Amino acid sequence: MNKLLGFAVVALAFALAGCNTVKGVGQDIQKAGEKIEGAAKK
């Protein structure tokens, strides 16, 4: 679980670094949440 959380944090950091707008940040956070949710269901 700790590895998954660490991966999610790193992925989120890279996603946020690539955003230029507030809307883009929201979309990236939503995508990261979907990935975490999908991993949690497995």
PDB file of N, CA and C in Angstrom:
ATOM      1  N   MET A   1       0.829  -1.188   0.000  1.00  0.00           N
ATOM      2  CA  MET A   1       0.000   0.000   0.000  1.00  0.00           C
ATOM      3  C   MET A   1       0.875   1.255   0.000  1.00  0.00           C
ATOM      4  N   ASN A   2       1.961   1.231   0.746  1.00  0.00           N
ATOM      5  CA  ASN A   2       2.845   2.392   0.804  1.00  0.00           C
ATOM      6  C   ASN A   2       3.491   2.669  -0.543  1.00  0.00           C
ATOM      7  N   LYS A   3       3.840   1.596  -1.277  1.00  0.00           N
ATOM      8  CA  LYS A   3       4.443   1.785  -2.598  1.00  0.00           C
ATOM      9  C   LYS A   3       3.444   2.417  -3.553  1.00  0.00           C
ATOM     10  N   LEU A   4       2.185   1.986  -3.468  1.00  0.00           N
ATOM     11  CA  LEU A   4       1.146   2.545  -4.320  1.00  0.00           C
ATOM     12  C   LEU A   4       0.939   4.021  -4.024  1.00  0.00           C
ATOM     13  N   LEU A   5       0.898   4.359  -2.758  1.00  0.00           N
ATOM     14  CA  LEU A   5       0.725   5.755  -2.371  1.00  0.00           C
ATOM     15  C   LEU A   5       1.916   6.597  -2.837  1.00  0.00           C
ATOM     16  N   GLY A   6       3.112   6.077  -2.687  1.00  0.00           N
ATOM     17  CA  GLY A   6       4.308   6.787  -3.141  1.00  0.00           C
ATOM     18  C   GLY A   6       4.282   7.008  -4.641  1.00  0.00           C
ATOM     19  N   PHE A   7       3.883   5.974  -5.375  1.00  0.00           N
ATOM     20  CA  PHE A   7       3.789   6.098  -6.829  1.00  0.00           C
ATOM     21  C   PHE A   7       2.762   7.147  -7.217  1.00  0.00           C
ATOM     22  N   ALA A   8       1.637   7.145  -6.519  1.00  0.00           N
ATOM     23  CA  ALA A   8       0.574   8.111  -6.810  1.00  0.00           C
ATOM     24  C   ALA A   8       1.047   9.537  -6.567  1.00  0.00           C
ATOM     25  N   VAL A   9       1.794   9.749  -5.508  1.00  0.00           N
ATOM     26  CA  VAL A   9       2.309  11.087  -5.192  1.00  0.00           C
ATOM     27  C   VAL A   9       3.286  11.548  -6.267  1.00  0.00           C
ATOM     28  N   VAL A  10       4.172  10.662  -6.680  1.00  0.00           N
ATOM     29  CA  VAL A  10       5.147  11.017  -7.718  1.00  0.00           C
ATOM     30  C   VAL A  10       4.434  11.294  -9.042  1.00  0.00           C
ATOM     31  N   ALA A  11       3.470  10.447  -9.388  1.00  0.00           N
ATOM     32  CA  ALA A  11       2.718  10.643 -10.629  1.00  0.00           C
ATOM     33  C   ALA A  11       1.966  11.969 -10.599  1.00  0.00           C
ATOM     34  N   LEU A  12       1.382  12.283  -9.463  1.00  0.00           N
ATOM     35  CA  LEU A  12       0.655  13.539  -9.324  1.00  0.00           C
ATOM     36  C   LEU A  12       1.605  14.734  -9.460  1.00  0.00           C
ATOM     37  N   ALA A  13       2.782  14.616  -8.897  1.00  0.00           N
ATOM     38  CA  ALA A  13       3.751  15.708  -8.992  1.00  0.00           C
ATOM     39  C   ALA A  13       4.140  15.960 -10.449  1.00  0.00           C
ATOM     40  N   PHE A  14       4.374  14.888 -11.205  1.00  0.00           N
ATOM     41  CA  PHE A  14       4.709  15.046 -12.618  1.00  0.00           C
ATOM     42  C   PHE A  14       3.526  15.617 -13.397  1.00  0.00           C
ATOM     43  N   ALA A  15       2.335  15.173 -13.070  1.00  0.00           N
ATOM     44  CA  ALA A  15       1.146  15.672 -13.758  1.00  0.00           C
ATOM     45  C   ALA A  15       0.956  17.163 -13.491  1.00  0.00           C
ATOM     46  N   LEU A  16       1.147  17.566 -12.265  1.00  0.00           N
ATOM     47  CA  LEU A  16       0.980  18.979 -11.920  1.00  0.00           C
ATOM     48  C   LEU A  16       2.060  19.839 -12.559  1.00  0.00           C
ATOM     49  N   ALA A  17       3.255  19.288 -12.698  1.00  0.00           N
ATOM     50  CA  ALA A  17       4.341  20.041 -13.316  1.00  0.00           C
ATOM     51  C   ALA A  17       4.043  20.317 -14.792  1.00  0.00           C
ATOM     52  N   GLY A  18       3.263  19.457 -15.413  1.00  0.00           N
ATOM     53  CA  GLY A  18       2.940  19.630 -16.822  1.00  0.00           C
ATOM     54  C   GLY A  18       1.732  20.504 -17.077  1.00  0.00           C
ATOM     55  N   CYS A  19       1.081  20.960 -16.043  1.00  0.00           N
ATOM     56  CA  CYS A  19      -0.149  21.755 -16.217  1.00  0.00           C
ATOM     57  C   CYS A  19       0.187  23.234 -16.327  1.00  0.00           C
ATOM     58  N   ASN A  20      -0.610  23.916 -17.134  1.00  0.00           N
ATOM     59  CA  ASN A  20      -0.435  25.369 -17.269  1.00  0.00           C
ATOM     60  C   ASN A  20      -1.650  26.141 -16.795  1.00  0.00           C
ATOM     61  N   THR A  21      -2.764  25.460 -16.576  1.00  0.00           N
ATOM     62  CA  THR A  21      -3.983  26.160 -16.182  1.00  0.00           C
ATOM     63  C   THR A  21      -4.617  25.472 -14.983  1.00  0.00           C
ATOM     64  N   VAL A  22      -5.495  26.177 -14.326  1.00  0.00           N
ATOM     65  CA  VAL A  22      -6.221  25.612 -13.191  1.00  0.00           C
ATOM     66  C   VAL A  22      -7.102  24.462 -13.669  1.00  0.00           C
ATOM     67  N   LYS A  23      -7.707  24.627 -14.822  1.00  0.00           N
ATOM     68  CA  LYS A  23      -8.547  23.568 -15.383  1.00  0.00           C
ATOM     69  C   LYS A  23      -7.712  22.310 -15.626  1.00  0.00           C
ATOM     70  N   GLY A  24      -6.519  22.479 -16.145  1.00  0.00           N
ATOM     71  CA  GLY A  24      -5.624  21.342 -16.401  1.00  0.00           C
ATOM     72  C   GLY A  24      -5.241  20.644 -15.110  1.00  0.00           C
ATOM     73  N   VAL A  25      -5.012  21.406 -14.058  1.00  0.00           N
ATOM     74  CA  VAL A  25      -4.681  20.824 -12.761  1.00  0.00           C
ATOM     75  C   VAL A  25      -5.844  19.968 -12.266  1.00  0.00           C
ATOM     76  N   GLY A  26      -7.055  20.480 -12.395  1.00  0.00           N
ATOM     77  CA  GLY A  26      -8.232  19.732 -11.965  1.00  0.00           C
ATOM     78  C   GLY A  26      -8.385  18.433 -12.737  1.00  0.00           C
ATOM     79  N   GLN A  27      -8.140  18.474 -14.033  1.00  0.00           N
ATOM     80  CA  GLN A  27      -8.245  17.267 -14.853  1.00  0.00           C
ATOM     81  C   GLN A  27      -7.187  16.256 -14.455  1.00  0.00           C
ATOM     82  N   ASP A  28      -5.972  16.713 -14.203  1.00  0.00           N
ATOM     83  CA  ASP A  28      -4.904  15.810 -13.808  1.00  0.00           C
ATOM     84  C   ASP A  28      -5.190  15.168 -12.455  1.00  0.00           C
ATOM     85  N   ILE A  29      -5.716  15.945 -11.525  1.00  0.00           N
ATOM     86  CA  ILE A  29      -6.048  15.398 -10.205  1.00  0.00           C
ATOM     87  C   ILE A  29      -7.150  14.358 -10.347  1.00  0.00           C
ATOM     88  N   GLN A  30      -8.115  14.630 -11.204  1.00  0.00           N
ATOM     89  CA  GLN A  30      -9.203  13.672 -11.421  1.00  0.00           C
ATOM     90  C   GLN A  30      -8.663  12.371 -12.021  1.00  0.00           C
ATOM     91  N   LYS A  31      -7.773  12.469 -12.990  1.00  0.00           N
ATOM     92  CA  LYS A  31      -7.193  11.273 -13.609  1.00  0.00           C
ATOM     93  C   LYS A  31      -6.379  10.480 -12.593  1.00  0.00           C
ATOM     94  N   ALA A  32      -5.619  11.183 -11.759  1.00  0.00           N
ATOM     95  CA  ALA A  32      -4.824  10.498 -10.735  1.00  0.00           C
ATOM     96  C   ALA A  32      -5.749   9.781  -9.749  1.00  0.00           C
ATOM     97  N   GLY A  33      -6.841  10.430  -9.380  1.00  0.00           N
ATOM     98  CA  GLY A  33      -7.813   9.805  -8.475  1.00  0.00           C
ATOM     99  C   GLY A  33      -8.435   8.564  -9.079  1.00  0.00           C
ATOM    100  N   GLU A  34      -8.711   8.607 -10.376  1.00  0.00           N
ATOM    101  CA  GLU A  34      -9.268   7.444 -11.056  1.00  0.00           C
ATOM    102  C   GLU A  34      -8.274   6.287 -11.065  1.00  0.00           C
ATOM    103  N   LYS A  35      -7.005   6.589 -11.277  1.00  0.00           N
ATOM    104  CA  LYS A  35      -5.972   5.542 -11.263  1.00  0.00           C
ATOM    105  C   LYS A  35      -5.858   4.908  -9.882  1.00  0.00           C
ATOM    106  N   ILE A  36      -5.873   5.749  -8.850  1.00  0.00           N
ATOM    107  CA  ILE A  36      -5.782   5.235  -7.481  1.00  0.00           C
ATOM    108  C   ILE A  36      -6.997   4.395  -7.154  1.00  0.00           C
ATOM    109  N   GLU A  37      -8.168   4.860  -7.566  1.00  0.00           N
ATOM    110  CA  GLU A  37      -9.392   4.116  -7.313  1.00  0.00           C
ATOM    111  C   GLU A  37      -9.361   2.756  -8.019  1.00  0.00           C
ATOM    112  N   GLY A  38      -8.884   2.752  -9.251  1.00  0.00           N
ATOM    113  CA  GLY A  38      -8.783   1.501 -10.000  1.00  0.00           C
ATOM    114  C   GLY A  38      -7.817   0.531  -9.346  1.00  0.00           C
ATOM    115  N   ALA A  39      -6.704   1.050  -8.849  1.00  0.00           N
ATOM    116  CA  ALA A  39      -5.719   0.195  -8.183  1.00  0.00           C
ATOM    117  C   ALA A  39      -6.275  -0.334  -6.865  1.00  0.00           C
ATOM    118  N   ALA A  40      -7.070   0.473  -6.185  1.00  0.00           N
ATOM    119  CA  ALA A  40      -7.636   0.044  -4.895  1.00  0.00           C
ATOM    120  C   ALA A  40      -8.671  -1.068  -5.079  1.00  0.00           C
ATOM    121  N   LYS A  41      -9.365  -1.059  -6.221  1.00  0.00           N
ATOM    122  CA  LYS A  41     -10.363  -2.083  -6.486  1.00  0.00           C
ATOM    123  C   LYS A  41      -9.747  -3.435  -6.790  1.00  0.00           C
ATOM    124  N   LYS A  42      -8.502  -3.452  -7.236  1.00  0.00           N
ATOM    125  CA  LYS A  42      -7.812  -4.698  -7.577  1.00  0.00           C
ATOM    126  C   LYS A  42      -7.417  -5.405  -6.355  1.00  0.00           C
TER     127      LYS A  42
END
